[in-house]
Amino acid sequence: MNAENTQVIQQCTREALAGELTFPEILGKLAHIGIERYHADYSRQEITYYLPDGDSVVIATPHPSHPTATEFSAPAVEAAV
């Protein structure tokens, strides 16, 4: 991943987390530089962005830390929705 693309990705990530970009705007900017897909890992607080050739870059995302539940609770999921 070249430095220019990495800078665009970092900017998109910052602006997305700050609520300054809409989802379609983010996708447009990422598609413009050739990003094919991404994977957000909230437990690791990072997003991996992928180019079609498999090249990737991992960006740390400062999400608030939340404990992971030890048991599944259908009522808790229902209440959250």
N, C-alpha and C. Protein backbone atom coordinates (compact mmCIF):
# COMPACT_ATOMS: atom_id res chain seq x y z
N MET A 1 0.87 -1.17 0.00
CA MET A 1 0.00 0.00 0.00
C MET A 1 0.91 1.23 0.00
N ASN A 2 0.67 2.12 -0.93
CA ASN A 2 1.55 3.29 -0.97
C ASN A 2 1.14 4.33 0.09
N ALA A 3 2.05 5.25 0.35
CA ALA A 3 1.85 6.23 1.42
C ALA A 3 0.66 7.14 1.15
N GLU A 4 0.44 7.51 -0.10
CA GLU A 4 -0.68 8.40 -0.44
C GLU A 4 -2.02 7.72 -0.14
N ASN A 5 -2.16 6.45 -0.54
CA ASN A 5 -3.39 5.72 -0.25
C ASN A 5 -3.59 5.55 1.25
N THR A 6 -2.51 5.27 1.96
CA THR A 6 -2.60 5.12 3.42
C THR A 6 -3.08 6.41 4.06
N GLN A 7 -2.61 7.56 3.57
CA GLN A 7 -3.07 8.85 4.11
C GLN A 7 -4.56 9.06 3.86
N VAL A 8 -5.04 8.70 2.67
CA VAL A 8 -6.47 8.83 2.36
C VAL A 8 -7.28 7.94 3.30
N ILE A 9 -6.81 6.72 3.51
CA ILE A 9 -7.51 5.78 4.39
C ILE A 9 -7.53 6.31 5.82
N GLN A 10 -6.41 6.82 6.30
CA GLN A 10 -6.36 7.37 7.66
C GLN A 10 -7.31 8.55 7.80
N GLN A 11 -7.35 9.41 6.80
CA GLN A 11 -8.26 10.56 6.85
C GLN A 11 -9.71 10.10 6.85
N CYS A 12 -10.05 9.14 6.00
CA CYS A 12 -11.42 8.61 5.97
C CYS A 12 -11.80 8.01 7.32
N THR A 13 -10.87 7.28 7.92
CA THR A 13 -11.14 6.66 9.22
C THR A 13 -11.39 7.73 10.28
N ARG A 14 -10.54 8.74 10.34
CA ARG A 14 -10.72 9.82 11.33
C ARG A 14 -12.05 10.53 11.12
N GLU A 15 -12.35 10.90 9.88
CA GLU A 15 -13.58 11.64 9.59
C GLU A 15 -14.82 10.78 9.81
N ALA A 16 -14.72 9.50 9.53
CA ALA A 16 -15.86 8.61 9.77
C ALA A 16 -16.15 8.50 11.27
N LEU A 17 -15.10 8.31 12.06
CA LEU A 17 -15.29 8.18 13.51
C LEU A 17 -15.78 9.48 14.14
N ALA A 18 -15.44 10.61 13.52
CA ALA A 18 -15.89 11.92 14.02
C ALA A 18 -17.28 12.28 13.50
N GLY A 19 -17.85 11.43 12.64
CA GLY A 19 -19.17 11.71 12.09
C GLY A 19 -19.16 12.79 11.03
N GLU A 20 -18.01 13.03 10.42
CA GLU A 20 -17.88 14.10 9.42
C GLU A 20 -18.12 13.62 7.99
N LEU A 21 -18.15 12.32 7.78
CA LEU A 21 -18.41 11.75 6.46
C LEU A 21 -19.58 10.79 6.54
N THR A 22 -20.37 10.74 5.48
CA THR A 22 -21.44 9.74 5.41
C THR A 22 -20.83 8.44 4.88
N PHE A 23 -21.55 7.35 5.08
CA PHE A 23 -21.07 6.05 4.59
C PHE A 23 -20.85 6.07 3.08
N PRO A 24 -21.79 6.61 2.28
CA PRO A 24 -21.53 6.68 0.83
C PRO A 24 -20.30 7.52 0.47
N GLU A 25 -20.05 8.59 1.21
CA GLU A 25 -18.86 9.41 0.95
C GLU A 25 -17.58 8.61 1.23
N ILE A 26 -17.59 7.87 2.32
CA ILE A 26 -16.43 7.04 2.67
C ILE A 26 -16.18 6.01 1.57
N LEU A 27 -17.24 5.31 1.17
CA LEU A 27 -17.08 4.29 0.14
C LEU A 27 -16.58 4.89 -1.17
N GLY A 28 -17.06 6.07 -1.52
CA GLY A 28 -16.61 6.73 -2.73
C GLY A 28 -15.13 7.05 -2.70
N LYS A 29 -14.67 7.59 -1.57
CA LYS A 29 -13.24 7.93 -1.45
C LYS A 29 -12.37 6.68 -1.47
N LEU A 30 -12.83 5.63 -0.78
CA LEU A 30 -12.05 4.39 -0.76
C LEU A 30 -12.03 3.73 -2.14
N ALA A 31 -13.16 3.72 -2.82
CA ALA A 31 -13.22 3.13 -4.16
C ALA A 31 -12.32 3.90 -5.13
N HIS A 32 -12.26 5.21 -4.96
CA HIS A 32 -11.45 6.05 -5.84
C HIS A 32 -9.96 5.67 -5.79
N ILE A 33 -9.50 5.21 -4.64
CA ILE A 33 -8.09 4.81 -4.53
C ILE A 33 -7.91 3.31 -4.70
N GLY A 34 -9.00 2.61 -5.04
CA GLY A 34 -8.89 1.19 -5.36
C GLY A 34 -9.16 0.22 -4.23
N ILE A 35 -9.63 0.72 -3.09
CA ILE A 35 -9.95 -0.19 -1.99
C ILE A 35 -11.16 -1.02 -2.39
N GLU A 36 -11.01 -2.33 -2.28
CA GLU A 36 -12.05 -3.26 -2.69
C GLU A 36 -12.97 -3.65 -1.53
N ARG A 37 -12.40 -3.76 -0.34
CA ARG A 37 -13.18 -4.17 0.83
C ARG A 37 -12.41 -3.79 2.09
N TYR A 38 -13.12 -3.90 3.21
CA TYR A 38 -12.46 -3.67 4.49
C TYR A 38 -13.10 -4.54 5.55
N HIS A 39 -12.39 -4.73 6.64
CA HIS A 39 -12.88 -5.53 7.77
C HIS A 39 -12.66 -4.72 9.04
N ALA A 40 -13.75 -4.42 9.74
CA ALA A 40 -13.66 -3.69 11.01
C ALA A 40 -13.67 -4.70 12.15
N ASP A 41 -12.63 -4.70 12.95
CA ASP A 41 -12.53 -5.59 14.11
C ASP A 41 -12.64 -4.72 15.36
N TYR A 42 -13.83 -4.71 15.94
CA TYR A 42 -14.08 -3.84 17.09
C TYR A 42 -13.39 -4.34 18.35
N SER A 43 -13.16 -5.64 18.45
CA SER A 43 -12.45 -6.16 19.62
C SER A 43 -10.99 -5.73 19.62
N ARG A 44 -10.37 -5.73 18.44
CA ARG A 44 -8.96 -5.32 18.33
C ARG A 44 -8.82 -3.82 18.09
N GLN A 45 -9.95 -3.13 17.87
CA GLN A 45 -9.97 -1.69 17.61
C GLN A 45 -9.10 -1.33 16.41
N GLU A 46 -9.39 -2.01 15.29
CA GLU A 46 -8.66 -1.74 14.06
C GLU A 46 -9.52 -2.07 12.85
N ILE A 47 -9.18 -1.45 11.74
CA ILE A 47 -9.84 -1.72 10.47
C ILE A 47 -8.76 -2.08 9.46
N THR A 48 -8.97 -3.18 8.74
CA THR A 48 -8.05 -3.60 7.69
C THR A 48 -8.70 -3.28 6.35
N TYR A 49 -7.99 -2.56 5.50
CA TYR A 49 -8.46 -2.17 4.17
C TYR A 49 -7.68 -2.97 3.13
N TYR A 50 -8.38 -3.47 2.09
CA TYR A 50 -7.77 -4.36 1.11
C TYR A 50 -7.88 -3.81 -0.31
N LEU A 51 -6.79 -3.97 -1.06
CA LEU A 51 -6.77 -3.71 -2.49
C LEU A 51 -7.10 -5.02 -3.21
N PRO A 52 -7.49 -4.97 -4.48
CA PRO A 52 -7.82 -6.20 -5.21
C PRO A 52 -6.67 -7.21 -5.28
N ASP A 53 -5.42 -6.74 -5.24
CA ASP A 53 -4.28 -7.66 -5.33
C ASP A 53 -3.93 -8.30 -3.98
N GLY A 54 -4.72 -8.01 -2.94
CA GLY A 54 -4.49 -8.60 -1.62
C GLY A 54 -3.65 -7.73 -0.71
N ASP A 55 -3.04 -6.68 -1.24
CA ASP A 55 -2.29 -5.76 -0.40
C ASP A 55 -3.25 -5.13 0.60
N SER A 56 -2.78 -4.85 1.79
CA SER A 56 -3.67 -4.32 2.82
C SER A 56 -2.93 -3.38 3.76
N VAL A 57 -3.71 -2.64 4.51
CA VAL A 57 -3.16 -1.78 5.55
C VAL A 57 -4.12 -1.85 6.74
N VAL A 58 -3.55 -1.88 7.94
CA VAL A 58 -4.34 -1.93 9.17
C VAL A 58 -4.26 -0.56 9.84
N ILE A 59 -5.43 0.00 10.17
CA ILE A 59 -5.50 1.31 10.81
C ILE A 59 -6.12 1.13 12.19
N ALA A 60 -5.44 1.62 13.22
CA ALA A 60 -6.00 1.58 14.57
C ALA A 60 -7.19 2.53 14.65
N THR A 61 -8.23 2.09 15.33
CA THR A 61 -9.43 2.92 15.49
C THR A 61 -9.73 3.09 16.97
N PRO A 62 -9.80 4.32 17.42
CA PRO A 62 -9.98 4.58 18.86
C PRO A 62 -11.42 4.45 19.33
N HIS A 63 -11.98 3.26 19.21
CA HIS A 63 -13.33 3.04 19.71
C HIS A 63 -13.29 2.89 21.23
N PRO A 64 -14.37 3.27 21.89
CA PRO A 64 -14.42 3.03 23.34
C PRO A 64 -14.33 1.54 23.62
N SER A 65 -13.64 1.18 24.66
CA SER A 65 -13.50 -0.22 25.02
C SER A 65 -14.75 -0.70 25.74
N HIS A 66 -15.26 -1.84 25.30
CA HIS A 66 -16.42 -2.45 25.93
C HIS A 66 -16.07 -3.89 26.26
N PRO A 67 -16.45 -4.35 27.43
CA PRO A 67 -16.15 -5.74 27.77
C PRO A 67 -16.93 -6.69 26.86
N THR A 68 -16.32 -7.81 26.53
CA THR A 68 -16.97 -8.83 25.73
C THR A 68 -17.77 -9.72 26.67
N ALA A 69 -19.02 -9.97 26.30
CA ALA A 69 -19.89 -10.80 27.14
C ALA A 69 -19.35 -12.23 27.19
N THR A 70 -19.50 -12.87 28.33
CA THR A 70 -19.06 -14.25 28.47
C THR A 70 -20.14 -15.23 28.05
N GLU A 71 -21.40 -14.77 28.04
CA GLU A 71 -22.52 -15.62 27.64
C GLU A 71 -23.42 -14.85 26.70
N PHE A 72 -24.05 -15.59 25.77
CA PHE A 72 -25.01 -14.98 24.85
C PHE A 72 -26.33 -14.78 25.58
N SER A 73 -26.92 -13.60 25.41
CA SER A 73 -28.21 -13.29 26.03
C SER A 73 -29.16 -12.78 24.96
N ALA A 74 -30.07 -13.64 24.52
CA ALA A 74 -31.06 -13.23 23.51
C ALA A 74 -31.88 -12.04 23.99
N PRO A 75 -32.35 -12.01 25.25
CA PRO A 75 -33.11 -10.84 25.71
C PRO A 75 -32.30 -9.54 25.65
N ALA A 76 -31.01 -9.61 25.96
CA ALA A 76 -30.18 -8.41 25.90
C ALA A 76 -30.02 -7.92 24.47
N VAL A 77 -29.87 -8.85 23.53
CA VAL A 77 -29.77 -8.48 22.12
C VAL A 77 -31.08 -7.86 21.65
N GLU A 78 -32.18 -8.49 22.02
CA GLU A 78 -33.51 -7.96 21.65
C GLU A 78 -33.72 -6.56 22.22
N ALA A 79 -33.31 -6.34 23.45
CA ALA A 79 -33.48 -5.03 24.08
C ALA A 79 -32.61 -3.98 23.39
N ALA A 80 -31.45 -4.38 22.90
CA ALA A 80 -30.55 -3.44 22.24
C ALA A 80 -31.05 -3.02 20.87
N VAL A 81 -31.86 -3.87 20.28
CA VAL A 81 -32.39 -3.57 18.94
C VAL A 81 -33.65 -2.83 19.10
